Every structure is written in structure tokens, then in C-alpha cells.
Amino acid sequence: MGFAHEMLEDYESAAVAFKKGLEIQPGNSEIYTNLGNMYVRLDQYEEATNAFENAVLFDPENSVSHNNLGVAQYQNGAYRDAVSSFQKAIDIAPQYQEAQNNLAAAKARVDPLEGLEIEI
């Protein structure tokens, strides 16, 4: 049901449906990931972060969930946490280009002067 609401771009109803799914399957990382994705679409990044943290708790080797967690953290201004999540995604899937791009963006927010040569 959550996917049907998502297709209609009714993200709030989709989130409600995914929460109901978690009542039936409380340890299902895929449902947590879907719920987190709905929260991202609703710009509810703290809730998204919580959902993705549960997703990686139940499936710690899922690189996409780690990347999604990093996106939510980044959007919430938690850049150092995002760096860690993106790095975990890359550690799991070294060729994961989206996570590599996200990692570079997050690192730039953590220390925007890193790597610059300054002449005095």
C-alpha cells in the first residue's frame, strides 16, 4: 500500500502505510528504508535519520541504507555523521559512485578549507 501512495506522490499516506508495515514486521530493514525515503521526500530529515538508523541496524551490510542515512544526516546539517555514513556505504560497496559523490560533498561541508593551498 505504501508504494501505491508513493506512486501518487502522497508521501504522508505512504509513510503511514510503511509504519503499519513495521507493526507487522518490526525488524524489516527494507520497510525502514522505504519509510526513511518518504520522510526525505517530506523534508523530515530527523525522522528520516531515525528510520535509516533502524534500517542499518537490521541490515548493517546494506550500502544503500548507509548512503540514505548519510543523505538524511547531511540534509539535517549533521555533516560529520554524514561523512561516516557515506564512508560505511563505500566500505561495503567500493564502486558506489553516488556514495562517493555524497562523501565528497559532506567532507567539503566539514572542512571547506581542507586541501587548499594558501600562500602567505
PDB file of N, CA and C in Angstrom:
ATOM      1  N   MET A   1       0.817  -1.183   0.000  1.00  0.00           N
ATOM      2  CA  MET A   1       0.000   0.000   0.000  1.00  0.00           C
ATOM      3  C   MET A   1       0.869   1.257   0.000  1.00  0.00           C
ATOM      4  N   GLY A   2       1.990   1.208   0.701  1.00  0.00           N
ATOM      5  CA  GLY A   2       2.887   2.353   0.746  1.00  0.00           C
ATOM      6  C   GLY A   2       3.385   2.759  -0.624  1.00  0.00           C
ATOM      7  N   PHE A   3       3.703   1.774  -1.458  1.00  0.00           N
ATOM      8  CA  PHE A   3       4.198   2.072  -2.799  1.00  0.00           C
ATOM      9  C   PHE A   3       3.114   2.710  -3.661  1.00  0.00           C
ATOM     10  N   ALA A   4       1.876   2.295  -3.475  1.00  0.00           N
ATOM     11  CA  ALA A   4       0.772   2.891  -4.238  1.00  0.00           C
ATOM     12  C   ALA A   4       0.644   4.372  -3.900  1.00  0.00           C
ATOM     13  N   HIS A   5       0.738   4.689  -2.608  1.00  0.00           N
ATOM     14  CA  HIS A   5       0.684   6.095  -2.198  1.00  0.00           C
ATOM     15  C   HIS A   5       1.892   6.866  -2.735  1.00  0.00           C
ATOM     16  N   GLU A   6       3.040   6.224  -2.720  1.00  0.00           N
ATOM     17  CA  GLU A   6       4.236   6.879  -3.242  1.00  0.00           C
ATOM     18  C   GLU A   6       4.076   7.199  -4.725  1.00  0.00           C
ATOM     19  N   MET A   7       3.528   6.269  -5.496  1.00  0.00           N
ATOM     20  CA  MET A   7       3.321   6.488  -6.930  1.00  0.00           C
ATOM     21  C   MET A   7       2.398   7.679  -7.181  1.00  0.00           C
ATOM     22  N   LEU A   8       1.483   7.906  -6.255  1.00  0.00           N
ATOM     23  CA  LEU A   8       0.551   9.038  -6.360  1.00  0.00           C
ATOM     24  C   LEU A   8       1.140  10.308  -5.737  1.00  0.00           C
ATOM     25  N   GLU A   9       2.392  10.210  -5.296  1.00  0.00           N
ATOM     26  CA  GLU A   9       3.107  11.311  -4.640  1.00  0.00           C
ATOM     27  C   GLU A   9       2.401  11.770  -3.365  1.00  0.00           C
ATOM     28  N   ASP A  10       1.725  10.841  -2.723  1.00  0.00           N
ATOM     29  CA  ASP A  10       1.095  11.080  -1.421  1.00  0.00           C
ATOM     30  C   ASP A  10       2.025  10.486  -0.364  1.00  0.00           C
ATOM     31  N   TYR A  11       3.088  11.207  -0.081  1.00  0.00           N
ATOM     32  CA  TYR A  11       4.157  10.685   0.756  1.00  0.00           C
ATOM     33  C   TYR A  11       3.750  10.522   2.216  1.00  0.00           C
ATOM     34  N   GLU A  12       2.869  11.369   2.697  1.00  0.00           N
ATOM     35  CA  GLU A  12       2.406  11.217   4.077  1.00  0.00           C
ATOM     36  C   GLU A  12       1.635   9.906   4.248  1.00  0.00           C
ATOM     37  N   SER A  13       0.740   9.626   3.325  1.00  0.00           N
ATOM     38  CA  SER A  13      -0.008   8.362   3.399  1.00  0.00           C
ATOM     39  C   SER A  13       0.914   7.171   3.207  1.00  0.00           C
ATOM     40  N   ALA A  14       1.922   7.331   2.354  1.00  0.00           N
ATOM     41  CA  ALA A  14       2.894   6.252   2.165  1.00  0.00           C
ATOM     42  C   ALA A  14       3.645   5.991   3.463  1.00  0.00           C
ATOM     43  N   ALA A  15       4.049   7.062   4.150  1.00  0.00           N
ATOM     44  CA  ALA A  15       4.751   6.897   5.425  1.00  0.00           C
ATOM     45  C   ALA A  15       3.873   6.166   6.438  1.00  0.00           C
ATOM     46  N   VAL A  16       2.604   6.533   6.487  1.00  0.00           N
ATOM     47  CA  VAL A  16       1.670   5.858   7.404  1.00  0.00           C
ATOM     48  C   VAL A  16       1.587   4.371   7.062  1.00  0.00           C
ATOM     49  N   ALA A  17       1.506   4.063   5.783  1.00  0.00           N
ATOM     50  CA  ALA A  17       1.416   2.660   5.367  1.00  0.00           C
ATOM     51  C   ALA A  17       2.687   1.895   5.732  1.00  0.00           C
ATOM     52  N   PHE A  18       3.841   2.509   5.532  1.00  0.00           N
ATOM     53  CA  PHE A  18       5.081   1.818   5.890  1.00  0.00           C
ATOM     54  C   PHE A  18       5.191   1.635   7.402  1.00  0.00           C
ATOM     55  N   LYS A  19       4.708   2.597   8.182  1.00  0.00           N
ATOM     56  CA  LYS A  19       4.698   2.427   9.641  1.00  0.00           C
ATOM     57  C   LYS A  19       3.818   1.246  10.037  1.00  0.00           C
ATOM     58  N   LYS A  20       2.696   1.098   9.362  1.00  0.00           N
ATOM     59  CA  LYS A  20       1.818  -0.049   9.635  1.00  0.00           C
ATOM     60  C   LYS A  20       2.525  -1.355   9.277  1.00  0.00           C
ATOM     61  N   GLY A  21       3.300  -1.318   8.208  1.00  0.00           N
ATOM     62  CA  GLY A  21       4.082  -2.494   7.835  1.00  0.00           C
ATOM     63  C   GLY A  21       5.069  -2.874   8.915  1.00  0.00           C
ATOM     64  N   LEU A  22       5.630  -1.862   9.582  1.00  0.00           N
ATOM     65  CA  LEU A  22       6.588  -2.134  10.662  1.00  0.00           C
ATOM     66  C   LEU A  22       5.908  -2.733  11.887  1.00  0.00           C
ATOM     67  N   GLU A  23       4.617  -2.464  12.060  1.00  0.00           N
ATOM     68  CA  GLU A  23       3.882  -3.097  13.159  1.00  0.00           C
ATOM     69  C   GLU A  23       3.796  -4.603  12.938  1.00  0.00           C
ATOM     70  N   ILE A  24       3.727  -4.998  11.677  1.00  0.00           N
ATOM     71  CA  ILE A  24       3.635  -6.424  11.329  1.00  0.00           C
ATOM     72  C   ILE A  24       5.017  -7.062  11.279  1.00  0.00           C
ATOM     73  N   GLN A  25       6.008  -6.313  10.744  1.00  0.00           N
ATOM     74  CA  GLN A  25       7.373  -6.817  10.593  1.00  0.00           C
ATOM     75  C   GLN A  25       8.349  -5.798  11.191  1.00  0.00           C
ATOM     76  N   PRO A  26       8.464  -5.742  12.518  1.00  0.00           N
ATOM     77  CA  PRO A  26       9.237  -4.672  13.162  1.00  0.00           C
ATOM     78  C   PRO A  26      10.740  -4.672  12.877  1.00  0.00           C
ATOM     79  N   GLY A  27      11.282  -5.744  12.392  1.00  0.00           N
ATOM     80  CA  GLY A  27      12.717  -5.779  12.111  1.00  0.00           C
ATOM     81  C   GLY A  27      13.054  -5.743  10.638  1.00  0.00           C
ATOM     82  N   ASN A  28      12.126  -5.297   9.815  1.00  0.00           N
ATOM     83  CA  ASN A  28      12.314  -5.334   8.366  1.00  0.00           C
ATOM     84  C   ASN A  28      13.047  -4.068   7.907  1.00  0.00           C
ATOM     85  N   SER A  29      14.311  -4.227   7.538  1.00  0.00           N
ATOM     86  CA  SER A  29      15.133  -3.078   7.155  1.00  0.00           C
ATOM     87  C   SER A  29      14.626  -2.410   5.880  1.00  0.00           C
ATOM     88  N   GLU A  30      14.057  -3.190   4.967  1.00  0.00           N
ATOM     89  CA  GLU A  30      13.546  -2.622   3.718  1.00  0.00           C
ATOM     90  C   GLU A  30      12.381  -1.664   3.985  1.00  0.00           C
ATOM     91  N   ILE A  31      11.527  -2.028   4.930  1.00  0.00           N
ATOM     92  CA  ILE A  31      10.413  -1.141   5.269  1.00  0.00           C
ATOM     93  C   ILE A  31      10.950   0.134   5.912  1.00  0.00           C
ATOM     94  N   TYR A  32      11.948  -0.001   6.793  1.00  0.00           N
ATOM     95  CA  TYR A  32      12.555   1.192   7.389  1.00  0.00           C
ATOM     96  C   TYR A  32      13.170   2.088   6.314  1.00  0.00           C
ATOM     97  N   THR A  33      13.807   1.479   5.320  1.00  0.00           N
ATOM     98  CA  THR A  33      14.396   2.261   4.228  1.00  0.00           C
ATOM     99  C   THR A  33      13.304   2.988   3.453  1.00  0.00           C
ATOM    100  N   ASN A  34      12.228   2.304   3.143  1.00  0.00           N
ATOM    101  CA  ASN A  34      11.121   2.944   2.423  1.00  0.00           C
ATOM    102  C   ASN A  34      10.507   4.076   3.238  1.00  0.00           C
ATOM    103  N   LEU A  35      10.358   3.858   4.529  1.00  0.00           N
ATOM    104  CA  LEU A  35       9.832   4.899   5.411  1.00  0.00           C
ATOM    105  C   LEU A  35      10.775   6.102   5.422  1.00  0.00           C
ATOM    106  N   GLY A  36      12.065   5.830   5.534  1.00  0.00           N
ATOM    107  CA  GLY A  36      13.042   6.921   5.508  1.00  0.00           C
ATOM    108  C   GLY A  36      12.985   7.709   4.217  1.00  0.00           C
ATOM    109  N   ASN A  37      12.816   7.012   3.109  1.00  0.00           N
ATOM    110  CA  ASN A  37      12.709   7.697   1.819  1.00  0.00           C
ATOM    111  C   ASN A  37      11.495   8.621   1.773  1.00  0.00           C
ATOM    112  N   MET A  38      10.396   8.201   2.385  1.00  0.00           N
ATOM    113  CA  MET A  38       9.198   9.055   2.407  1.00  0.00           C
ATOM    114  C   MET A  38       9.454  10.297   3.255  1.00  0.00           C
ATOM    115  N   TYR A  39      10.139  10.115   4.382  1.00  0.00           N
ATOM    116  CA  TYR A  39      10.453  11.265   5.224  1.00  0.00           C
ATOM    117  C   TYR A  39      11.387  12.243   4.499  1.00  0.00           C
ATOM    118  N   VAL A  40      12.314  11.726   3.718  1.00  0.00           N
ATOM    119  CA  VAL A  40      13.184  12.617   2.939  1.00  0.00           C
ATOM    120  C   VAL A  40      12.338  13.427   1.965  1.00  0.00           C
ATOM    121  N   ARG A  41      11.409  12.777   1.296  1.00  0.00           N
ATOM    122  CA  ARG A  41      10.537  13.481   0.339  1.00  0.00           C
ATOM    123  C   ARG A  41       9.674  14.532   1.031  1.00  0.00           C
ATOM    124  N   LEU A  42       9.398  14.319   2.327  1.00  0.00           N
ATOM    125  CA  LEU A  42       8.602  15.267   3.109  1.00  0.00           C
ATOM    126  C   LEU A  42       9.486  16.303   3.822  1.00  0.00           C
ATOM    127  N   ASP A  43      10.799  16.263   3.550  1.00  0.00           N
ATOM    128  CA  ASP A  43      11.765  17.158   4.199  1.00  0.00           C
ATOM    129  C   ASP A  43      11.767  17.006   5.715  1.00  0.00           C
ATOM    130  N   GLN A  44      11.480  15.805   6.186  1.00  0.00           N
ATOM    131  CA  GLN A  44      11.502  15.494   7.620  1.00  0.00           C
ATOM    132  C   GLN A  44      12.767  14.676   7.892  1.00  0.00           C
ATOM    133  N   TYR A  45      13.891  15.377   7.949  1.00  0.00           N
ATOM    134  CA  TYR A  45      15.186  14.704   7.954  1.00  0.00           C
ATOM    135  C   TYR A  45      15.519  14.028   9.282  1.00  0.00           C
ATOM    136  N   GLU A  46      15.030  14.551  10.376  1.00  0.00           N
ATOM    137  CA  GLU A  46      15.282  13.879  11.656  1.00  0.00           C
ATOM    138  C   GLU A  46      14.566  12.526  11.694  1.00  0.00           C
ATOM    139  N   GLU A  47      13.316  12.508  11.235  1.00  0.00           N
ATOM    140  CA  GLU A  47      12.567  11.261  11.177  1.00  0.00           C
ATOM    141  C   GLU A  47      13.207  10.302  10.174  1.00  0.00           C
ATOM    142  N   ALA A  48      13.671  10.852   9.053  1.00  0.00           N
ATOM    143  CA  ALA A  48      14.351  10.024   8.056  1.00  0.00           C
ATOM    144  C   ALA A  48      15.606   9.403   8.654  1.00  0.00           C
ATOM    145  N   THR A  49      16.359  10.202   9.382  1.00  0.00           N
ATOM    146  CA  THR A  49      17.576   9.693  10.025  1.00  0.00           C
ATOM    147  C   THR A  49      17.242   8.532  10.952  1.00  0.00           C
ATOM    148  N   ASN A  50      16.202   8.682  11.752  1.00  0.00           N
ATOM    149  CA  ASN A  50      15.803   7.609  12.671  1.00  0.00           C
ATOM    150  C   ASN A  50      15.427   6.341  11.906  1.00  0.00           C
ATOM    151  N   ALA A  51      14.685   6.502  10.821  1.00  0.00           N
ATOM    152  CA  ALA A  51      14.269   5.334  10.037  1.00  0.00           C
ATOM    153  C   ALA A  51      15.487   4.647   9.419  1.00  0.00           C
ATOM    154  N   PHE A  52      16.395   5.426   8.836  1.00  0.00           N
ATOM    155  CA  PHE A  52      17.577   4.824   8.210  1.00  0.00           C
ATOM    156  C   PHE A  52      18.518   4.212   9.249  1.00  0.00           C
ATOM    157  N   GLU A  53      18.592   4.797  10.440  1.00  0.00           N
ATOM    158  CA  GLU A  53      19.403   4.181  11.503  1.00  0.00           C
ATOM    159  C   GLU A  53      18.862   2.796  11.830  1.00  0.00           C
ATOM    160  N   ASN A  54      17.548   2.657  11.863  1.00  0.00           N
ATOM    161  CA  ASN A  54      16.958   1.332  12.088  1.00  0.00           C
ATOM    162  C   ASN A  54      17.224   0.408  10.920  1.00  0.00           C
ATOM    163  N   ALA A  55      17.180   0.940   9.711  1.00  0.00           N
ATOM    164  CA  ALA A  55      17.455   0.110   8.532  1.00  0.00           C
ATOM    165  C   ALA A  55      18.857  -0.485   8.610  1.00  0.00           C
ATOM    166  N   VAL A  56      19.847   0.331   8.964  1.00  0.00           N
ATOM    167  CA  VAL A  56      21.225  -0.191   9.026  1.00  0.00           C
ATOM    168  C   VAL A  56      21.437  -1.061  10.264  1.00  0.00           C
ATOM    169  N   LEU A  57      20.644  -0.828  11.302  1.00  0.00           N
ATOM    170  CA  LEU A  57      20.718  -1.695  12.480  1.00  0.00           C
ATOM    171  C   LEU A  57      20.315  -3.124  12.118  1.00  0.00           C
ATOM    172  N   PHE A  58      19.246  -3.260  11.337  1.00  0.00           N
ATOM    173  CA  PHE A  58      18.736  -4.578  10.973  1.00  0.00           C
ATOM    174  C   PHE A  58      19.420  -5.182   9.751  1.00  0.00           C
ATOM    175  N   ASP A  59      20.114  -4.345   8.960  1.00  0.00           N
ATOM    176  CA  ASP A  59      20.849  -4.837   7.790  1.00  0.00           C
ATOM    177  C   ASP A  59      22.121  -4.013   7.630  1.00  0.00           C
ATOM    178  N   PRO A  60      23.115  -4.266   8.488  1.00  0.00           N
ATOM    179  CA  PRO A  60      24.316  -3.422   8.511  1.00  0.00           C
ATOM    180  C   PRO A  60      25.185  -3.498   7.255  1.00  0.00           C
ATOM    181  N   GLU A  61      24.943  -4.445   6.389  1.00  0.00           N
ATOM    182  CA  GLU A  61      25.750  -4.566   5.166  1.00  0.00           C
ATOM    183  C   GLU A  61      25.058  -3.965   3.942  1.00  0.00           C
ATOM    184  N   ASN A  62      23.993  -3.220   4.154  1.00  0.00           N
ATOM    185  CA  ASN A  62      23.255  -2.607   3.053  1.00  0.00           C
ATOM    186  C   ASN A  62      23.844  -1.227   2.760  1.00  0.00           C
ATOM    187  N   SER A  63      24.604  -1.136   1.695  1.00  0.00           N
ATOM    188  CA  SER A  63      25.282   0.125   1.359  1.00  0.00           C
ATOM    189  C   SER A  63      24.293   1.234   1.021  1.00  0.00           C
ATOM    190  N   VAL A  64      23.177   0.891   0.397  1.00  0.00           N
ATOM    191  CA  VAL A  64      22.182   1.909   0.034  1.00  0.00           C
ATOM    192  C   VAL A  64      21.588   2.540   1.295  1.00  0.00           C
ATOM    193  N   SER A  65      21.311   1.739   2.298  1.00  0.00           N
ATOM    194  CA  SER A  65      20.762   2.280   3.546  1.00  0.00           C
ATOM    195  C   SER A  65      21.765   3.201   4.235  1.00  0.00           C
ATOM    196  N   HIS A  66      23.031   2.834   4.208  1.00  0.00           N
ATOM    197  CA  HIS A  66      24.058   3.715   4.788  1.00  0.00           C
ATOM    198  C   HIS A  66      24.134   5.027   4.018  1.00  0.00           C
ATOM    199  N   ASN A  67      24.080   4.941   2.691  1.00  0.00           N
ATOM    200  CA  ASN A  67      24.107   6.151   1.879  1.00  0.00           C
ATOM    201  C   ASN A  67      22.882   7.020   2.173  1.00  0.00           C
ATOM    202  N   ASN A  68      21.709   6.391   2.239  1.00  0.00           N
ATOM    203  CA  ASN A  68      20.484   7.145   2.522  1.00  0.00           C
ATOM    204  C   ASN A  68      20.540   7.789   3.904  1.00  0.00           C
ATOM    205  N   LEU A  69      21.093   7.071   4.869  1.00  0.00           N
ATOM    206  CA  LEU A  69      21.285   7.648   6.199  1.00  0.00           C
ATOM    207  C   LEU A  69      22.160   8.886   6.103  1.00  0.00           C
ATOM    208  N   GLY A  70      23.233   8.793   5.337  1.00  0.00           N
ATOM    209  CA  GLY A  70      24.112   9.942   5.152  1.00  0.00           C
ATOM    210  C   GLY A  70      23.401  11.122   4.516  1.00  0.00           C
ATOM    211  N   VAL A  71      22.540  10.858   3.543  1.00  0.00           N
ATOM    212  CA  VAL A  71      21.780  11.938   2.899  1.00  0.00           C
ATOM    213  C   VAL A  71      20.887  12.642   3.922  1.00  0.00           C
ATOM    214  N   ALA A  72      20.189  11.874   4.744  1.00  0.00           N
ATOM    215  CA  ALA A  72      19.319  12.468   5.763  1.00  0.00           C
ATOM    216  C   ALA A  72      20.143  13.270   6.770  1.00  0.00           C
ATOM    217  N   GLN A  73      21.280  12.724   7.186  1.00  0.00           N
ATOM    218  CA  GLN A  73      22.141  13.443   8.128  1.00  0.00           C
ATOM    219  C   GLN A  73      22.663  14.739   7.504  1.00  0.00           C
ATOM    220  N   TYR A  74      23.083  14.654   6.260  1.00  0.00           N
ATOM    221  CA  TYR A  74      23.584  15.828   5.549  1.00  0.00           C
ATOM    222  C   TYR A  74      22.502  16.908   5.478  1.00  0.00           C
ATOM    223  N   GLN A  75      21.303  16.520   5.087  1.00  0.00           N
ATOM    224  CA  GLN A  75      20.210  17.486   4.973  1.00  0.00           C
ATOM    225  C   GLN A  75      19.823  18.070   6.328  1.00  0.00           C
ATOM    226  N   ASN A  76      20.125  17.344   7.392  1.00  0.00           N
ATOM    227  CA  ASN A  76      19.835  17.812   8.748  1.00  0.00           C
ATOM    228  C   ASN A  76      20.991  18.616   9.332  1.00  0.00           C
ATOM    229  N   GLY A  77      22.066  18.784   8.548  1.00  0.00           N
ATOM    230  CA  GLY A  77      23.209  19.574   8.997  1.00  0.00           C
ATOM    231  C   GLY A  77      24.221  18.807   9.815  1.00  0.00           C
ATOM    232  N   ALA A  78      24.072  17.497   9.917  1.00  0.00           N
ATOM    233  CA  ALA A  78      24.999  16.655  10.680  1.00  0.00           C
ATOM    234  C   ALA A  78      26.070  16.125   9.718  1.00  0.00           C
ATOM    235  N   TYR A  79      26.947  17.026   9.262  1.00  0.00           N
ATOM    236  CA  TYR A  79      27.887  16.697   8.195  1.00  0.00           C
ATOM    237  C   TYR A  79      28.915  15.642   8.599  1.00  0.00           C
ATOM    238  N   ARG A  80      29.418  15.705   9.822  1.00  0.00           N
ATOM    239  CA  ARG A  80      30.394  14.691  10.259  1.00  0.00           C
ATOM    240  C   ARG A  80      29.766  13.304  10.307  1.00  0.00           C
ATOM    241  N   ASP A  81      28.546  13.224  10.799  1.00  0.00           N
ATOM    242  CA  ASP A  81      27.839  11.939  10.804  1.00  0.00           C
ATOM    243  C   ASP A  81      27.613  11.452   9.378  1.00  0.00           C
ATOM    244  N   ALA A  82      27.280  12.383   8.484  1.00  0.00           N
ATOM    245  CA  ALA A  82      27.065  12.023   7.081  1.00  0.00           C
ATOM    246  C   ALA A  82      28.342  11.466   6.469  1.00  0.00           C
ATOM    247  N   VAL A  83      29.485  12.082   6.771  1.00  0.00           N
ATOM    248  CA  VAL A  83      30.762  11.575   6.262  1.00  0.00           C
ATOM    249  C   VAL A  83      30.938  10.123   6.683  1.00  0.00           C
ATOM    250  N   SER A  84      30.668   9.834   7.938  1.00  0.00           N
ATOM    251  CA  SER A  84      30.813   8.472   8.454  1.00  0.00           C
ATOM    252  C   SER A  84      29.871   7.501   7.734  1.00  0.00           C
ATOM    253  N   SER A  85      28.631   7.904   7.526  1.00  0.00           N
ATOM    254  CA  SER A  85      27.663   7.023   6.858  1.00  0.00           C
ATOM    255  C   SER A  85      28.040   6.781   5.402  1.00  0.00           C
ATOM    256  N   PHE A  86      28.453   7.833   4.696  1.00  0.00           N
ATOM    257  CA  PHE A  86      28.861   7.657   3.297  1.00  0.00           C
ATOM    258  C   PHE A  86      30.092   6.761   3.206  1.00  0.00           C
ATOM    259  N   GLN A  87      31.021   6.933   4.159  1.00  0.00           N
ATOM    260  CA  GLN A  87      32.220   6.101   4.151  1.00  0.00           C
ATOM    261  C   GLN A  87      31.865   4.635   4.388  1.00  0.00           C
ATOM    262  N   LYS A  88      30.907   4.373   5.277  1.00  0.00           N
ATOM    263  CA  LYS A  88      30.471   2.997   5.508  1.00  0.00           C
ATOM    264  C   LYS A  88      29.867   2.400   4.240  1.00  0.00           C
ATOM    265  N   ALA A  89      29.086   3.205   3.522  1.00  0.00           N
ATOM    266  CA  ALA A  89      28.498   2.727   2.266  1.00  0.00           C
ATOM    267  C   ALA A  89      29.594   2.343   1.281  1.00  0.00           C
ATOM    268  N   ILE A  90      30.633   3.143   1.207  1.00  0.00           N
ATOM    269  CA  ILE A  90      31.745   2.882   0.285  1.00  0.00           C
ATOM    270  C   ILE A  90      32.567   1.684   0.750  1.00  0.00           C
ATOM    271  N   ASP A  91      32.736   1.545   2.055  1.00  0.00           N
ATOM    272  CA  ASP A  91      33.461   0.382   2.573  1.00  0.00           C
ATOM    273  C   ASP A  91      32.754  -0.915   2.164  1.00  0.00           C
ATOM    274  N   ILE A  92      31.430  -0.883   2.154  1.00  0.00           N
ATOM    275  CA  ILE A  92      30.648  -2.062   1.778  1.00  0.00           C
ATOM    276  C   ILE A  92      30.655  -2.264   0.266  1.00  0.00           C
ATOM    277  N   ALA A  93      30.528  -1.165  -0.464  1.00  0.00           N
ATOM    278  CA  ALA A  93      30.448  -1.221  -1.936  1.00  0.00           C
ATOM    279  C   ALA A  93      31.409  -0.178  -2.514  1.00  0.00           C
ATOM    280  N   PRO A  94      32.678  -0.545  -2.671  1.00  0.00           N
ATOM    281  CA  PRO A  94      33.703   0.432  -3.069  1.00  0.00           C
ATOM    282  C   PRO A  94      33.426   1.172  -4.386  1.00  0.00           C
ATOM    283  N   GLN A  95      32.649   0.607  -5.275  1.00  0.00           N
ATOM    284  CA  GLN A  95      32.364   1.261  -6.560  1.00  0.00           C
ATOM    285  C   GLN A  95      31.082   2.105  -6.531  1.00  0.00           C
ATOM    286  N   TYR A  96      30.521   2.315  -5.381  1.00  0.00           N
ATOM    287  CA  TYR A  96      29.245   3.031  -5.229  1.00  0.00           C
ATOM    288  C   TYR A  96      29.475   4.524  -5.487  1.00  0.00           C
ATOM    289  N   GLN A  97      29.274   4.934  -6.728  1.00  0.00           N
ATOM    290  CA  GLN A  97      29.607   6.289  -7.168  1.00  0.00           C
ATOM    291  C   GLN A  97      28.782   7.359  -6.453  1.00  0.00           C
ATOM    292  N   GLU A  98      27.500   7.111  -6.261  1.00  0.00           N
ATOM    293  CA  GLU A  98      26.657   8.104  -5.582  1.00  0.00           C
ATOM    294  C   GLU A  98      27.166   8.375  -4.171  1.00  0.00           C
ATOM    295  N   ALA A  99      27.545   7.320  -3.468  1.00  0.00           N
ATOM    296  CA  ALA A  99      28.085   7.495  -2.116  1.00  0.00           C
ATOM    297  C   ALA A  99      29.422   8.235  -2.157  1.00  0.00           C
ATOM    298  N   GLN A 100      30.227   7.967  -3.164  1.00  0.00           N
ATOM    299  CA  GLN A 100      31.497   8.682  -3.301  1.00  0.00           C
ATOM    300  C   GLN A 100      31.254  10.171  -3.520  1.00  0.00           C
ATOM    301  N   ASN A 101      30.301  10.503  -4.381  1.00  0.00           N
ATOM    302  CA  ASN A 101      29.971  11.913  -4.622  1.00  0.00           C
ATOM    303  C   ASN A 101      29.428  12.574  -3.358  1.00  0.00           C
ATOM    304  N   ASN A 102      28.562  11.860  -2.656  1.00  0.00           N
ATOM    305  CA  ASN A 102      27.991  12.388  -1.422  1.00  0.00           C
ATOM    306  C   ASN A 102      29.060  12.584  -0.360  1.00  0.00           C
ATOM    307  N   LEU A 103      30.009  11.655  -0.287  1.00  0.00           N
ATOM    308  CA  LEU A 103      31.100  11.772   0.667  1.00  0.00           C
ATOM    309  C   LEU A 103      31.918  13.032   0.397  1.00  0.00           C
ATOM    310  N   ALA A 104      32.215  13.284  -0.854  1.00  0.00           N
ATOM    311  CA  ALA A 104      32.989  14.486  -1.204  1.00  0.00           C
ATOM    312  C   ALA A 104      32.233  15.753  -0.800  1.00  0.00           C
ATOM    313  N   ALA A 105      30.947  15.793  -1.046  1.00  0.00           N
ATOM    314  CA  ALA A 105      30.146  16.966  -0.674  1.00  0.00           C
ATOM    315  C   ALA A 105      30.112  17.162   0.837  1.00  0.00           C
ATOM    316  N   ALA A 106      29.963  16.061   1.581  1.00  0.00           N
ATOM    317  CA  ALA A 106      29.905  16.156   3.038  1.00  0.00           C
ATOM    318  C   ALA A 106      31.255  16.583   3.615  1.00  0.00           C
ATOM    319  N   LYS A 107      32.334  16.033   3.061  1.00  0.00           N
ATOM    320  CA  LYS A 107      33.665  16.433   3.531  1.00  0.00           C
ATOM    321  C   LYS A 107      33.903  17.918   3.293  1.00  0.00           C
ATOM    322  N   ALA A 108      33.414  18.435   2.188  1.00  0.00           N
ATOM    323  CA  ALA A 108      33.572  19.864   1.897  1.00  0.00           C
ATOM    324  C   ALA A 108      32.832  20.714   2.927  1.00  0.00           C
ATOM    325  N   ARG A 109      31.738  20.219   3.455  1.00  0.00           N
ATOM    326  CA  ARG A 109      30.992  20.949   4.488  1.00  0.00           C
ATOM    327  C   ARG A 109      31.678  20.866   5.849  1.00  0.00           C
ATOM    328  N   VAL A 110      32.358  19.746   6.102  1.00  0.00           N
ATOM    329  CA  VAL A 110      33.026  19.571   7.388  1.00  0.00           C
ATOM    330  C   VAL A 110      34.228  20.498   7.481  1.00  0.00           C
ATOM    331  N   ASP A 111      35.032  20.529   6.439  1.00  0.00           N
ATOM    332  CA  ASP A 111      36.217  21.380   6.435  1.00  0.00           C
ATOM    333  C   ASP A 111      36.402  21.967   5.036  1.00  0.00           C
ATOM    334  N   PRO A 112      35.743  23.102   4.780  1.00  0.00           N
ATOM    335  CA  PRO A 112      35.794  23.667   3.430  1.00  0.00           C
ATOM    336  C   PRO A 112      37.179  24.125   3.001  1.00  0.00           C
ATOM    337  N   LEU A 113      38.113  24.294   3.932  1.00  0.00           N
ATOM    338  CA  LEU A 113      39.455  24.726   3.562  1.00  0.00           C
ATOM    339  C   LEU A 113      40.425  23.572   3.377  1.00  0.00           C
ATOM    340  N   GLU A 114      39.970  22.363   3.690  1.00  0.00           N
ATOM    341  CA  GLU A 114      40.843  21.212   3.573  1.00  0.00           C
ATOM    342  C   GLU A 114      41.275  21.023   2.122  1.00  0.00           C
ATOM    343  N   GLY A 115      42.553  20.843   1.947  1.00  0.00           N
ATOM    344  CA  GLY A 115      43.091  20.594   0.609  1.00  0.00           C
ATOM    345  C   GLY A 115      43.460  21.852  -0.153  1.00  0.00           C
ATOM    346  N   LEU A 116      43.135  23.022   0.403  1.00  0.00           N
ATOM    347  CA  LEU A 116      43.507  24.255  -0.276  1.00  0.00           C
ATOM    348  C   LEU A 116      44.918  24.652   0.108  1.00  0.00           C
ATOM    349  N   GLU A 117      45.666  25.106  -0.855  1.00  0.00           N
ATOM    350  CA  GLU A 117      46.990  25.627  -0.560  1.00  0.00           C
ATOM    351  C   GLU A 117      46.891  27.129  -0.437  1.00  0.00           C
ATOM    352  N   ILE A 118      47.349  27.627   0.678  1.00  0.00           N
ATOM    353  CA  ILE A 118      47.278  29.058   0.940  1.00  0.00           C
ATOM    354  C   ILE A 118      48.690  29.628   0.977  1.00  0.00           C
ATOM    355  N   GLU A 119      48.922  30.619   0.154  1.00  0.00           N
ATOM    356  CA  GLU A 119      50.227  31.284   0.128  1.00  0.00           C
ATOM    357  C   GLU A 119      50.196  32.463   1.063  1.00  0.00           C
ATOM    358  N   ILE A 120      51.235  32.565   1.853  1.00  0.00           N
ATOM    359  CA  ILE A 120      51.325  33.697   2.785  1.00  0.00           C
ATOM    360  C   ILE A 120      52.542  34.514   2.433  1.00  0.00           C
TER     361      ILE A 120
END
